[in-house]
Protein backbone atom coordinates (compact mmCIF):
# COMPACT_ATOMS: atom_id res chain seq x y z
CA UNK A 1 0.00 0.00 0.00
CA UNK A 2 2.90 2.38 0.89
CA UNK A 3 4.54 2.01 -2.48
CA UNK A 4 1.23 2.71 -4.28
CA UNK A 5 0.77 5.95 -2.31
CA UNK A 6 4.37 6.93 -3.02
CA UNK A 7 3.95 6.43 -6.75
CA UNK A 8 0.65 8.32 -6.80
CA UNK A 9 2.28 11.29 -5.11
CA UNK A 10 5.06 11.25 -7.70
CA UNK A 11 2.41 11.56 -10.43
CA UNK A 12 1.48 14.98 -9.09
CA UNK A 13 4.84 16.37 -10.11
CA UNK A 14 5.47 17.69 -13.64
CA UNK A 15 8.15 15.11 -14.37
CA UNK A 16 6.30 12.76 -16.71
CA UNK A 17 7.80 9.74 -18.42
CA UNK A 18 4.75 8.63 -20.34
CA UNK A 19 5.58 6.15 -23.09
CA UNK A 20 2.06 5.22 -24.21
CA UNK A 21 0.14 7.90 -26.09
CA UNK A 22 -3.53 8.05 -25.11
CA UNK A 23 -4.48 9.84 -28.31
CA UNK A 24 -2.80 7.12 -30.37
CA UNK A 25 -4.74 4.45 -28.52
CA UNK A 26 -8.02 6.28 -29.04
CA UNK A 27 -7.20 6.56 -32.73
CA UNK A 28 -6.63 2.83 -32.69
CA UNK A 29 -10.01 2.36 -31.03
CA UNK A 30 -11.71 4.27 -33.84
CA UNK A 31 -9.93 2.54 -36.68
CA UNK A 32 -9.50 -1.07 -35.58
CA UNK A 33 -13.04 -2.24 -36.27
CA UNK A 34 -14.25 -0.20 -39.18
CA UNK A 35 -11.19 0.67 -41.20
CA UNK A 36 -12.34 -1.87 -43.73
CA UNK A 37 -15.71 -0.18 -44.16
CA UNK A 38 -14.04 2.57 -46.21
CA UNK A 39 -12.73 0.02 -48.70
CA UNK A 40 -15.43 -0.20 -51.35
CA UNK A 41 -13.47 -2.82 -53.30
CA UNK A 42 -13.45 -5.03 -50.22
CA UNK A 43 -17.20 -4.49 -49.76
CA UNK A 44 -17.86 -5.69 -53.29
CA UNK A 45 -16.48 -9.07 -52.27
CA UNK A 46 -19.48 -9.72 -50.02
CA UNK A 47 -22.31 -7.87 -51.78
CA UNK A 48 -23.80 -10.96 -53.50
CA UNK A 49 -23.78 -13.19 -50.40
CA UNK A 50 -27.02 -14.18 -48.70
CA UNK A 51 -27.65 -13.49 -45.01
CA UNK A 52 -26.68 -17.01 -43.97
CA UNK A 53 -23.56 -16.91 -46.17
CA UNK A 54 -22.54 -13.54 -44.68
CA UNK A 55 -22.89 -14.96 -41.17
CA UNK A 56 -20.88 -18.10 -42.03
CA UNK A 57 -18.18 -15.97 -43.65
CA UNK A 58 -17.91 -13.66 -40.63
CA UNK A 59 -17.88 -16.62 -38.26
CA UNK A 60 -15.08 -18.24 -40.25
CA UNK A 61 -12.96 -15.07 -40.03
CA UNK A 62 -13.78 -14.87 -36.31
CA UNK A 63 -12.72 -18.47 -35.72
CA UNK A 64 -9.45 -17.88 -37.55
CA UNK A 65 -8.72 -14.78 -35.37
CA UNK A 66 -9.07 -12.32 -38.27
CA UNK A 67 -11.02 -9.94 -36.06
CA UNK A 68 -10.91 -6.88 -38.34
CA UNK A 69 -12.46 -8.73 -41.26
CA UNK A 70 -14.89 -10.56 -39.01
CA UNK A 71 -16.12 -7.27 -37.51
CA UNK A 72 -16.51 -5.77 -40.96
CA UNK A 73 -18.63 -8.66 -42.22
CA UNK A 74 -20.65 -8.79 -38.99
CA UNK A 75 -21.42 -5.07 -39.32
CA UNK A 76 -22.28 -5.54 -43.00
CA UNK A 77 -24.72 -8.28 -41.99
CA UNK A 78 -26.22 -6.18 -39.17
CA UNK A 79 -26.99 -3.30 -41.55
CA UNK A 80 -28.45 -5.55 -44.28
CA UNK A 81 -32.30 -5.66 -44.57
CA UNK A 82 -33.50 -9.15 -43.65
CA UNK A 83 -36.69 -11.22 -43.69
CA UNK A 84 -38.56 -11.92 -40.46
CA UNK A 85 -37.20 -15.47 -40.45
CA UNK A 86 -33.60 -14.18 -40.67
CA UNK A 87 -33.56 -11.93 -37.58
CA UNK A 88 -31.81 -14.68 -35.62
CA UNK A 89 -28.70 -14.14 -37.80
CA UNK A 90 -28.69 -10.47 -36.71
CA UNK A 91 -28.89 -11.52 -33.03
CA UNK A 92 -25.96 -13.91 -33.46
CA UNK A 93 -23.94 -11.34 -35.43
CA UNK A 94 -24.46 -8.67 -32.74
CA UNK A 95 -23.45 -11.10 -29.99
CA UNK A 96 -20.38 -12.42 -31.81
CA UNK A 97 -19.22 -8.90 -32.73
CA UNK A 98 -19.62 -7.91 -29.07
CA UNK A 99 -17.33 -10.79 -28.05
CA UNK A 100 -14.65 -9.49 -30.43
CA UNK A 101 -15.01 -5.98 -28.98
CA UNK A 102 -14.59 -7.49 -25.51
CA UNK A 103 -11.37 -9.16 -26.59
CA UNK A 104 -10.12 -5.84 -27.95
CA UNK A 105 -11.24 -4.02 -24.76
CA UNK A 106 -13.78 -1.89 -26.66
CA UNK A 107 -16.31 -2.17 -23.87
CA UNK A 108 -18.60 0.64 -25.02
CA UNK A 109 -19.11 -0.98 -28.45
CA UNK A 110 -19.41 -4.43 -26.87
CA UNK A 111 -22.13 -3.33 -24.45
CA UNK A 112 -24.01 -1.42 -27.14
CA UNK A 113 -24.08 -4.49 -29.42
CA UNK A 114 -25.12 -6.80 -26.56
CA UNK A 115 -28.06 -4.58 -25.58
CA UNK A 116 -29.19 -4.41 -29.21
CA UNK A 117 -28.88 -8.20 -29.45
CA UNK A 118 -30.89 -8.65 -26.26
CA UNK A 119 -33.70 -6.33 -27.38
CA UNK A 120 -33.94 -8.00 -30.79
CA UNK A 121 -33.80 -11.46 -29.23
CA UNK A 122 -36.68 -10.61 -26.89
CA UNK A 123 -38.75 -9.07 -29.69
CA UNK A 124 -38.47 -12.14 -31.95
CA UNK A 125 -38.68 -14.54 -28.98
CA UNK A 126 -35.54 -16.43 -29.92
CA UNK A 127 -34.37 -19.53 -28.09
CA UNK A 128 -33.27 -19.28 -24.41
CA UNK A 129 -29.85 -20.49 -25.56
CA UNK A 130 -29.21 -17.27 -27.52
CA UNK A 131 -30.35 -15.03 -24.65
CA UNK A 132 -28.17 -17.02 -22.25
CA UNK A 133 -25.06 -16.28 -24.32
CA UNK A 134 -25.93 -12.57 -24.39
CA UNK A 135 -26.40 -12.43 -20.60
CA UNK A 136 -23.07 -14.24 -20.13
CA UNK A 137 -21.27 -11.65 -22.26
CA UNK A 138 -23.03 -8.79 -20.45
CA UNK A 139 -21.72 -10.23 -17.20
CA UNK A 140 -18.22 -10.24 -18.67
CA UNK A 141 -18.46 -6.49 -19.43
CA UNK A 142 -19.34 -5.72 -15.80
CA UNK A 143 -16.62 -8.12 -14.61
CA UNK A 144 -13.98 -6.09 -16.45
CA UNK A 145 -15.17 -2.98 -14.53
CA UNK A 146 -15.07 -4.89 -11.20
CA UNK A 147 -18.86 -4.63 -10.88
CA UNK A 148 -18.95 -8.16 -9.55
CA UNK A 149 -22.43 -8.00 -8.01
CA UNK A 150 -24.01 -7.01 -11.33
CA UNK A 151 -21.82 -9.46 -13.25
CA UNK A 152 -22.89 -12.27 -10.91
CA UNK A 153 -26.59 -11.50 -11.53
CA UNK A 154 -26.07 -11.67 -15.30
CA UNK A 155 -24.12 -14.92 -15.05
CA UNK A 156 -26.81 -16.53 -12.88
CA UNK A 157 -29.48 -15.37 -15.33
CA UNK A 158 -27.47 -16.97 -18.13
CA UNK A 159 -27.13 -20.17 -16.11
CA UNK A 160 -30.91 -20.37 -15.69
CA UNK A 161 -31.44 -20.12 -19.46
CA UNK A 162 -28.68 -22.40 -20.74
CA UNK A 163 -29.49 -25.90 -21.98
CA UNK A 164 -26.16 -26.48 -23.74
CA UNK A 165 -23.81 -28.19 -21.27
CA UNK A 166 -20.71 -27.23 -23.27
CA UNK A 167 -21.27 -23.50 -22.77
CA UNK A 168 -22.65 -24.07 -19.28
CA UNK A 169 -19.15 -24.99 -18.15
CA UNK A 170 -17.94 -21.51 -19.13
CA UNK A 171 -20.88 -19.81 -17.40
CA UNK A 172 -20.30 -21.84 -14.24
CA UNK A 173 -16.68 -20.72 -14.21
CA UNK A 174 -17.79 -17.08 -14.63
CA UNK A 175 -20.16 -17.43 -11.66
CA UNK A 176 -17.32 -19.00 -9.68
CA UNK A 177 -15.01 -16.10 -10.57
CA UNK A 178 -17.51 -13.46 -9.39
CA UNK A 179 -18.13 -15.41 -6.18
CA UNK A 180 -14.35 -15.55 -5.70
CA UNK A 181 -14.00 -11.78 -6.16
CA UNK A 182 -16.89 -11.18 -3.75
CA UNK A 183 -15.14 -13.31 -1.12
CA UNK A 184 -17.62 -16.19 -1.19
CA UNK A 185 -14.89 -18.82 -1.30
CA UNK A 186 -17.01 -21.90 -0.59
CA UNK A 187 -19.51 -20.96 -3.27
CA UNK A 188 -16.69 -20.07 -5.66
CA UNK A 189 -14.98 -23.44 -5.18
CA UNK A 190 -18.30 -25.25 -5.74
CA UNK A 191 -18.95 -23.51 -9.09
CA UNK A 192 -15.32 -23.85 -10.25
CA UNK A 193 -15.17 -27.59 -9.49
CA UNK A 194 -18.56 -28.13 -11.12
CA UNK A 195 -17.40 -26.26 -14.23
CA UNK A 196 -14.20 -28.33 -14.36
CA UNK A 197 -16.13 -31.61 -14.08
CA UNK A 198 -18.53 -30.55 -16.82
CA UNK A 199 -15.66 -29.44 -19.05
CA UNK A 200 -13.93 -32.82 -18.72
CA UNK A 201 -17.16 -34.61 -19.67
CA UNK A 202 -17.34 -32.41 -22.77
CA UNK A 203 -13.84 -33.11 -24.14
CA UNK A 204 -12.22 -30.29 -22.11
CA UNK A 205 -14.39 -27.55 -23.62
CA UNK A 206 -13.29 -24.11 -22.32
CA UNK A 207 -10.81 -25.91 -20.04
CA UNK A 208 -8.13 -23.20 -20.44
CA UNK A 209 -10.46 -20.64 -18.79
CA UNK A 210 -11.60 -22.97 -16.02
CA UNK A 211 -8.09 -24.27 -15.25
CA UNK A 212 -6.80 -20.68 -15.04
CA UNK A 213 -9.56 -19.85 -12.57
CA UNK A 214 -8.78 -22.98 -10.56
CA UNK A 215 -5.15 -21.88 -10.41
CA UNK A 216 -6.15 -18.39 -9.23
CA UNK A 217 -8.24 -19.96 -6.49
CA UNK A 218 -5.30 -22.12 -5.33
CA UNK A 219 -3.00 -19.08 -5.48
CA UNK A 220 -5.35 -17.07 -3.24
CA UNK A 221 -5.20 -19.92 -0.70
CA UNK A 222 -1.36 -19.97 -0.99
CA UNK A 223 -1.38 -23.49 -2.45
CA UNK A 224 1.37 -22.48 -4.82
CA UNK A 225 2.30 -25.92 -6.10
CA UNK A 226 -1.30 -26.58 -7.14
CA UNK A 227 -1.50 -23.10 -8.67
CA UNK A 228 1.62 -23.73 -10.82
CA UNK A 229 0.18 -27.10 -11.83
CA UNK A 230 -3.18 -25.69 -12.97
CA UNK A 231 -1.53 -22.71 -14.72
CA UNK A 232 0.62 -25.17 -16.65
CA UNK A 233 -2.41 -27.21 -17.69
CA UNK A 234 -4.33 -24.06 -18.66
CA UNK A 235 -1.41 -22.75 -20.74
CA UNK A 236 -1.12 -26.05 -22.60
CA UNK A 237 -4.89 -26.05 -23.37
CA UNK A 238 -4.79 -22.42 -24.54
CA UNK A 239 -1.94 -23.20 -26.94
CA UNK A 240 -3.73 -26.32 -28.15
CA UNK A 241 -6.83 -24.36 -29.19
CA UNK A 242 -4.78 -21.32 -30.30
CA UNK A 243 -6.52 -19.01 -27.80
CA UNK A 244 -4.02 -16.13 -27.74
CA UNK A 245 -6.00 -14.03 -25.28
CA UNK A 246 -6.14 -16.79 -22.67
CA UNK A 247 -2.48 -17.56 -23.32
CA UNK A 248 -1.51 -13.95 -22.64
CA UNK A 249 -3.68 -13.89 -19.47
CA UNK A 250 -2.18 -17.12 -18.14
CA UNK A 251 1.37 -15.89 -18.80
CA UNK A 252 0.50 -12.72 -16.87
CA UNK A 253 -0.94 -14.79 -14.01
CA UNK A 254 2.24 -16.89 -13.92
CA UNK A 255 4.32 -13.69 -13.75
CA UNK A 256 2.21 -12.47 -10.84
CA UNK A 257 2.56 -15.86 -9.10
CA UNK A 258 6.36 -15.83 -9.49
CA UNK A 259 6.44 -12.29 -8.09
CA UNK A 260 4.33 -13.41 -5.15
CA UNK A 261 6.73 -16.28 -4.48
CA UNK A 262 9.72 -13.85 -4.67
CA UNK A 263 11.05 -15.19 -8.00
CA UNK A 264 11.57 -11.82 -9.64
CA UNK A 265 13.46 -12.92 -12.76
CA UNK A 266 10.86 -15.52 -13.66
CA UNK A 267 8.10 -12.99 -12.96
CA UNK A 268 9.68 -10.44 -15.34
CA UNK A 269 10.18 -13.10 -18.00
CA UNK A 270 6.52 -14.22 -18.02
CA UNK A 271 5.12 -10.69 -17.74
CA UNK A 272 7.22 -9.46 -20.66
CA UNK A 273 6.21 -12.55 -22.64
CA UNK A 274 2.55 -11.83 -21.84
CA UNK A 275 2.96 -8.16 -22.83
CA UNK A 276 4.54 -9.08 -26.15
CA UNK A 277 1.68 -11.43 -26.99
CA UNK A 278 -1.02 -9.01 -25.77
CA UNK A 279 0.39 -6.05 -27.71
CA UNK A 280 0.69 -8.19 -30.83
CA UNK A 281 -3.03 -8.99 -30.68
CA UNK A 282 -4.19 -5.69 -29.11
CA UNK A 283 -5.39 -7.14 -25.79
CA UNK A 284 -5.16 -3.78 -24.03
CA UNK A 285 -6.73 -4.87 -20.74
CA UNK A 286 -4.00 -7.48 -20.25
CA UNK A 287 -1.26 -4.97 -21.07
CA UNK A 288 -2.76 -2.48 -18.58
CA UNK A 289 -2.81 -5.09 -15.79
CA UNK A 290 0.76 -6.22 -16.58
CA UNK A 291 2.13 -2.67 -16.31
CA UNK A 292 0.77 -2.40 -12.77
CA UNK A 293 2.52 -5.61 -11.69
CA UNK A 294 5.73 -4.52 -13.47
CA UNK A 295 5.53 -1.24 -11.53
CA UNK A 296 5.30 -3.16 -8.24
CA UNK A 297 8.29 -5.34 -9.24
CA UNK A 298 10.46 -2.38 -10.17
CA UNK A 299 9.55 -0.59 -6.95
CA UNK A 300 10.50 -3.68 -4.92
CA UNK A 301 13.87 -3.67 -6.67
CA UNK A 302 14.41 0.02 -5.88
CA UNK A 303 14.07 1.16 -9.51
CA UNK A 304 11.70 4.04 -8.79
CA UNK A 305 12.07 5.66 -12.19
CA UNK A 306 11.11 2.45 -14.01
CA UNK A 307 8.32 1.83 -11.53
CA UNK A 308 6.93 5.32 -12.17
CA UNK A 309 7.17 4.82 -15.92
CA UNK A 310 5.23 1.52 -15.74
CA UNK A 311 2.63 3.11 -13.51
CA UNK A 312 2.17 5.93 -16.01
CA UNK A 313 1.67 3.37 -18.75
CA UNK A 314 -0.82 1.51 -16.55
CA UNK A 315 -2.85 4.65 -15.80
CA UNK A 316 -2.88 5.76 -19.43
CA UNK A 317 -4.22 2.42 -20.56
CA UNK A 318 -6.67 2.22 -17.67
CA UNK A 319 -8.09 5.61 -18.59
CA UNK A 320 -8.56 4.38 -22.15
CA UNK A 321 -9.86 0.91 -21.36
CA UNK A 322 -11.77 1.49 -18.14
CA UNK A 323 -12.43 5.22 -18.38
CA UNK A 324 -15.18 6.70 -16.25
CA UNK A 325 -16.80 8.19 -19.32
CA UNK A 326 -16.98 4.73 -20.95
CA UNK A 327 -18.56 3.19 -17.88
CA UNK A 328 -20.97 6.14 -17.72
CA UNK A 329 -21.98 5.44 -21.31
CA UNK A 330 -22.52 1.79 -20.40
CA UNK A 331 -24.74 2.81 -17.49
CA UNK A 332 -26.64 5.10 -19.83
CA UNK A 333 -27.17 2.23 -22.28
CA UNK A 334 -28.34 0.06 -19.39
CA UNK A 335 -30.80 2.80 -18.36
CA UNK A 336 -32.09 3.13 -21.93
CA UNK A 337 -32.52 -0.62 -22.10
CA UNK A 338 -34.52 -0.64 -18.87
CA UNK A 339 -36.67 2.25 -20.13
CA UNK A 340 -37.19 0.37 -23.39
CA UNK A 341 -38.26 -2.72 -21.43
CA UNK A 342 -40.76 -0.64 -19.43
CA UNK A 343 -42.09 0.96 -22.63
CA UNK A 344 -42.47 -2.48 -24.18
CA UNK A 345 -44.39 -3.68 -21.12
CA UNK A 346 -46.66 -0.61 -21.23
CA UNK A 347 -47.21 -1.09 -24.96
CA UNK A 348 -47.98 -4.77 -24.39
CA UNK A 349 -50.49 -3.87 -21.66
CA UNK A 350 -52.16 -1.31 -23.94
CA UNK A 351 -52.39 -3.85 -26.75
CA UNK A 352 -53.78 -6.47 -24.39
CA UNK A 353 -56.37 -3.97 -23.15
CA UNK A 354 -57.35 -3.09 -26.72
CA UNK A 355 -57.62 -6.77 -27.62
CA UNK A 356 -59.70 -7.36 -24.49
CA UNK A 357 -62.05 -4.50 -25.37
CA UNK A 358 -62.38 -5.70 -28.95
CA UNK A 359 -63.06 -9.23 -27.68
CA UNK A 360 -65.80 -7.94 -25.34
CA UNK A 361 -67.30 -5.88 -28.18
CA UNK A 362 -67.20 -8.89 -30.49
CA UNK A 363 -68.79 -11.10 -27.83
CA UNK A 364 -71.60 -8.56 -27.37
CA UNK A 365 -72.21 -8.47 -31.12
CA UNK A 366 -72.30 -12.28 -31.24
CA UNK A 367 -74.69 -12.37 -28.28
CA UNK A 368 -76.93 -9.81 -29.96
CA UNK A 369 -76.94 -11.79 -33.21
CA UNK A 370 -77.77 -15.01 -31.32
CA UNK A 371 -80.60 -13.20 -29.49
CA UNK A 372 -82.05 -11.91 -32.77
CA UNK A 373 -81.79 -15.37 -34.34
CA UNK A 374 -83.48 -16.91 -31.29
CA UNK A 375 -86.31 -14.37 -31.48
CA UNK A 376 -86.75 -15.08 -35.20
CA UNK A 377 -86.89 -18.82 -34.54
CA UNK A 378 -89.47 -18.34 -31.78
CA UNK A 379 -91.52 -16.07 -34.06
CA UNK A 380 -91.33 -18.64 -36.86
CA UNK A 381 -92.42 -21.44 -34.51
CA UNK A 382 -95.36 -19.35 -33.24
CA UNK A 383 -96.33 -18.52 -36.84
CA UNK A 384 -96.20 -22.18 -37.92
CA UNK A 385 -98.17 -23.22 -34.82
CA UNK A 386 -101.05 -20.85 -35.53
CA UNK A 387 -100.89 -21.58 -39.27
CA UNK A 388 -101.12 -25.29 -38.54
CA UNK A 389 -104.12 -24.73 -36.31
CA UNK A 390 -105.82 -22.75 -39.07
CA UNK A 391 -105.09 -25.49 -41.62
CA UNK A 392 -106.40 -28.18 -39.26
CA UNK A 393 -109.61 -26.24 -38.77
CA UNK A 394 -109.90 -25.78 -42.54
CA UNK A 395 -109.29 -29.50 -43.17
CA UNK A 396 -111.84 -30.43 -40.52
CA UNK A 397 -114.42 -28.12 -42.05
CA UNK A 398 -113.70 -29.46 -45.54
CA UNK A 399 -113.98 -33.05 -44.31
CA UNK A 400 -117.38 -32.36 -42.77
CA UNK A 401 -118.61 -30.71 -45.98
CA UNK A 402 -117.40 -33.69 -48.03
CA UNK A 403 -119.15 -36.11 -45.72
CA UNK A 404 -122.36 -34.13 -46.12
CA UNK A 405 -122.00 -34.20 -49.89
CA UNK A 406 -121.35 -37.95 -49.88
CA UNK A 407 -124.38 -38.63 -47.74
CA UNK A 408 -126.46 -36.44 -49.97
CA UNK A 409 -125.13 -38.17 -53.08
CA UNK A 410 -125.83 -41.59 -51.61
CA UNK A 411 -129.38 -40.61 -50.82
CA UNK A 412 -130.07 -39.25 -54.29
CA UNK A 413 -127.93 -40.91 -56.94
CA UNK A 414 -126.87 -44.23 -55.46
CA UNK A 415 -128.72 -46.95 -57.44
CA UNK A 416 -128.71 -49.10 -54.35
CA UNK A 417 -131.27 -46.80 -52.83
CA UNK A 418 -133.73 -47.87 -55.49
CA UNK A 419 -133.41 -51.48 -54.53
CA UNK A 420 -132.68 -51.27 -50.82
CA UNK A 421 -136.06 -52.72 -49.99
CA UNK A 422 -135.63 -55.48 -52.49
CA UNK A 423 -133.89 -58.71 -51.56
CA UNK A 424 -132.58 -61.69 -53.50
CA UNK A 425 -133.37 -65.29 -52.77
CA UNK A 426 -130.44 -67.49 -51.84
CA UNK A 427 -130.65 -69.44 -55.07
CA UNK A 428 -130.78 -66.29 -57.17
CA UNK A 429 -127.89 -64.76 -55.25
CA UNK A 430 -125.87 -67.98 -55.63
CA UNK A 431 -126.49 -68.10 -59.35
CA UNK A 432 -125.59 -64.41 -59.69
CA UNK A 433 -122.38 -64.93 -57.68
CA UNK A 434 -121.30 -67.78 -59.96
CA UNK A 435 -121.79 -65.58 -63.00
CA UNK A 436 -119.84 -62.73 -61.39
CA UNK A 437 -116.94 -65.01 -60.44
CA UNK A 438 -116.85 -66.47 -63.96
CA UNK A 439 -116.60 -63.02 -65.48
CA UNK A 440 -113.96 -61.93 -62.94
CA UNK A 441 -111.70 -64.73 -64.12
CA UNK A 442 -111.65 -63.18 -67.58
CA UNK A 443 -108.63 -60.82 -67.28
CA UNK A 444 -109.32 -59.26 -70.65
CA UNK A 445 -112.61 -57.90 -69.29
CA UNK A 446 -111.65 -56.85 -65.77
CA UNK A 447 -108.33 -55.30 -66.81
CA UNK A 448 -110.06 -52.87 -69.09
CA UNK A 449 -109.62 -49.40 -67.64
CA UNK A 450 -113.30 -48.64 -68.39
CA UNK A 451 -114.63 -51.75 -66.61
CA UNK A 452 -117.13 -50.78 -63.91
CA UNK A 453 -119.96 -52.22 -61.82
CA UNK A 454 -122.39 -51.04 -64.47
CA UNK A 455 -120.66 -53.14 -67.16
CA UNK A 456 -120.51 -56.11 -64.80
CA UNK A 457 -124.26 -55.79 -64.12
CA UNK A 458 -124.97 -55.77 -67.83
CA UNK A 459 -122.77 -58.83 -68.40
CA UNK A 460 -124.67 -60.84 -65.75
CA UNK A 461 -128.02 -59.39 -66.89
CA UNK A 462 -128.79 -57.80 -63.56
CA UNK A 463 -128.61 -54.36 -61.99
CA UNK A 464 -125.91 -52.59 -60.03
CA UNK A 465 -127.72 -52.91 -56.71
CA UNK A 466 -128.01 -56.72 -56.91
CA UNK A 467 -124.44 -57.09 -58.06
CA UNK A 468 -123.19 -54.84 -55.26
CA UNK A 469 -125.38 -56.67 -52.72
CA UNK A 470 -124.13 -60.06 -53.86
CA UNK A 471 -120.44 -59.03 -53.69
CA UNK A 472 -120.90 -57.39 -50.30
CA UNK A 473 -122.74 -60.42 -48.89
CA UNK A 474 -120.24 -62.93 -50.19
CA UNK A 475 -116.95 -61.03 -49.59
CA UNK A 476 -117.82 -58.14 -47.25
CA UNK A 477 -116.28 -55.76 -49.79
CA UNK A 478 -117.50 -53.12 -52.16
CA UNK A 479 -117.09 -53.56 -55.90
CA UNK A 480 -113.94 -51.47 -56.21
CA UNK A 481 -112.02 -53.42 -53.54
CA UNK A 482 -113.33 -56.68 -55.04
CA UNK A 483 -112.13 -55.67 -58.53
CA UNK A 484 -108.73 -54.42 -57.30
CA UNK A 485 -107.92 -57.78 -55.73
CA UNK A 486 -108.39 -59.53 -59.07
CA UNK A 487 -106.39 -56.91 -60.87
CA UNK A 488 -103.51 -57.08 -58.33
CA UNK A 489 -103.50 -60.88 -58.58
CA UNK A 490 -103.08 -60.52 -62.34
CA UNK A 491 -100.35 -57.90 -61.77
CA UNK A 492 -98.46 -60.35 -59.52
CA UNK A 493 -98.60 -62.96 -62.25
CA UNK A 494 -97.34 -60.50 -64.85
CA UNK A 495 -94.52 -59.27 -62.58
CA UNK A 496 -93.41 -62.88 -61.97
CA UNK A 497 -93.10 -63.39 -65.71
CA UNK A 498 -91.85 -59.86 -66.44
CA UNK A 499 -88.96 -59.36 -68.82
CA UNK A 500 -87.48 -56.15 -67.40
CA UNK A 501 -85.48 -55.56 -70.56
CA UNK A 502 -88.78 -55.07 -72.48
CA UNK A 503 -91.43 -54.10 -69.93
CA UNK A 504 -91.66 -51.86 -66.89
CA UNK A 505 -93.81 -51.80 -63.76
CA UNK A 506 -95.66 -48.77 -65.16
CA UNK A 507 -96.70 -50.86 -68.19
CA UNK A 508 -97.88 -53.64 -65.87
CA UNK A 509 -100.10 -51.19 -64.02
CA UNK A 510 -101.65 -50.05 -67.30
CA UNK A 511 -102.21 -53.66 -68.45
CA UNK A 512 -104.18 -54.53 -65.31
CA UNK A 513 -106.48 -51.48 -65.65
CA UNK A 514 -104.91 -48.70 -63.55
CA UNK A 515 -104.83 -45.29 -65.18
CA UNK A 516 -101.89 -43.95 -63.13
CA UNK A 517 -98.75 -45.46 -61.72
CA UNK A 518 -99.39 -43.93 -58.29
CA UNK A 519 -102.87 -45.51 -58.07
CA UNK A 520 -101.39 -48.88 -59.05
CA UNK A 521 -98.60 -48.56 -56.48
CA UNK A 522 -100.95 -47.54 -53.66
CA UNK A 523 -103.48 -50.33 -54.33
CA UNK A 524 -100.69 -52.93 -54.73
CA UNK A 525 -99.15 -51.94 -51.40
CA UNK A 526 -102.57 -51.83 -49.68
CA UNK A 527 -103.42 -55.40 -50.76
CA UNK A 528 -99.99 -57.10 -50.63
CA UNK A 529 -98.29 -54.95 -47.96
CA UNK A 530 -95.30 -54.20 -50.22
CA UNK A 531 -94.61 -52.05 -53.25
CA UNK A 532 -94.50 -53.46 -56.81
CA UNK A 533 -90.80 -52.65 -57.01
CA UNK A 534 -90.01 -54.57 -53.81
CA UNK A 535 -92.22 -57.47 -55.03
CA UNK A 536 -90.22 -57.54 -58.29
CA UNK A 537 -86.93 -57.64 -56.36
CA UNK A 538 -88.18 -60.47 -54.13
CA UNK A 539 -89.32 -62.47 -57.17
CA UNK A 540 -85.98 -61.97 -58.87
CA UNK A 541 -84.17 -62.94 -55.66
């Protein structure tokens, strides 16, 4: 603590040995990502690619550590109009570009892209997996600014959403790191060990990060042998996957560990090696941290001038990387995001209220329509009821009038009335019956459509009254029913012998004396109990 105060006091004096130019670094910050955007020839290379092809191209550059080109293509994709089904590519592009900005210590751009990705992801309701990755990266931004409480909340939110166990190992390690920084050592060890176990089950995915964190944990507990062991494993994994950023961080951690164990030469060697690698790939946050440790080393060796110079370099980089104005902008973005979320909730509530009101209005209209229809049905039923009553009364009246006419006709015109007081002897009636039956067997006579009781009376040399009396006495039937039975018997014989390819049932009805097909059908069914058509089918069967 004493040496830090001493160096800070020295900074108040005009003697400045600043070797890193802040203006140069800010110029770098402006030009690193979008220098390619001015190259129209380079833009032509990607103009004919589809959205998916642009994303795959950017991701390939990203994987191969060509961050400038990857950022250019990601930004080209982000500003390209897309279909509704392609918004997920924009979310992924924003998130991946933010990760590159994080690596380059461009925290303002990283946070801006992550918030945009989160808003778009929520609006299109993308998968929880995508939102989990965004929350994890948001936590990393706050972690760089030592806002461990906020970072921890984002990491835990990410952990709740993740379903991919490979990335879960990284999130668990991030939660463990924030717990470690907050002093929750038991919780930190739990999350770190769980992340390490999960990583080993997934072919050592993200193992360089988790092993580095495990080494830091051992170092804080002064288990130096274990710390060296885990740093060695982490460094080997970082080199295996060509992760230059993690390699530079681990080299810096090894330098710090050697300094802590009083091995100054080894500490300087690893810190300088880390600085060389970090400067080569523009990992400014690592360089800034290394200068602070180098300042402490030089001060411990009594090289105050060198210590002051390293501290100046550290402060210059810290102002650039972790400047208060940058963090203020991040807080402003966070505030705008929260306001946007509230506005979205208000808008959603308004829409839901409008939908609810429209639904109620629609339900009232439907109810009104149903009520009108019900009233119309009731009115129609009442109308038909009274109309039916009127028709029944009319039919009843008509029936009574017809009965009166029939009675009157029977009293006046019925020839039986002339002979009602006359009676036949049994012998005469028997003789007359035999004549009637003989004539009825002659189908040529009875199947004539003009055959009537009058013609029958003439053929037996009698009158209609005697003929009717004889038939009624012998068969308890009137003449028409008596005649129809003979005609239907003949029709049955004809149907049994019917050639349907030449004759029809209508022709049969005409041959047996019926003037209409309906009269033939009704009489046939009345006498036999079935229709002519069904009788024909049964005969054929």
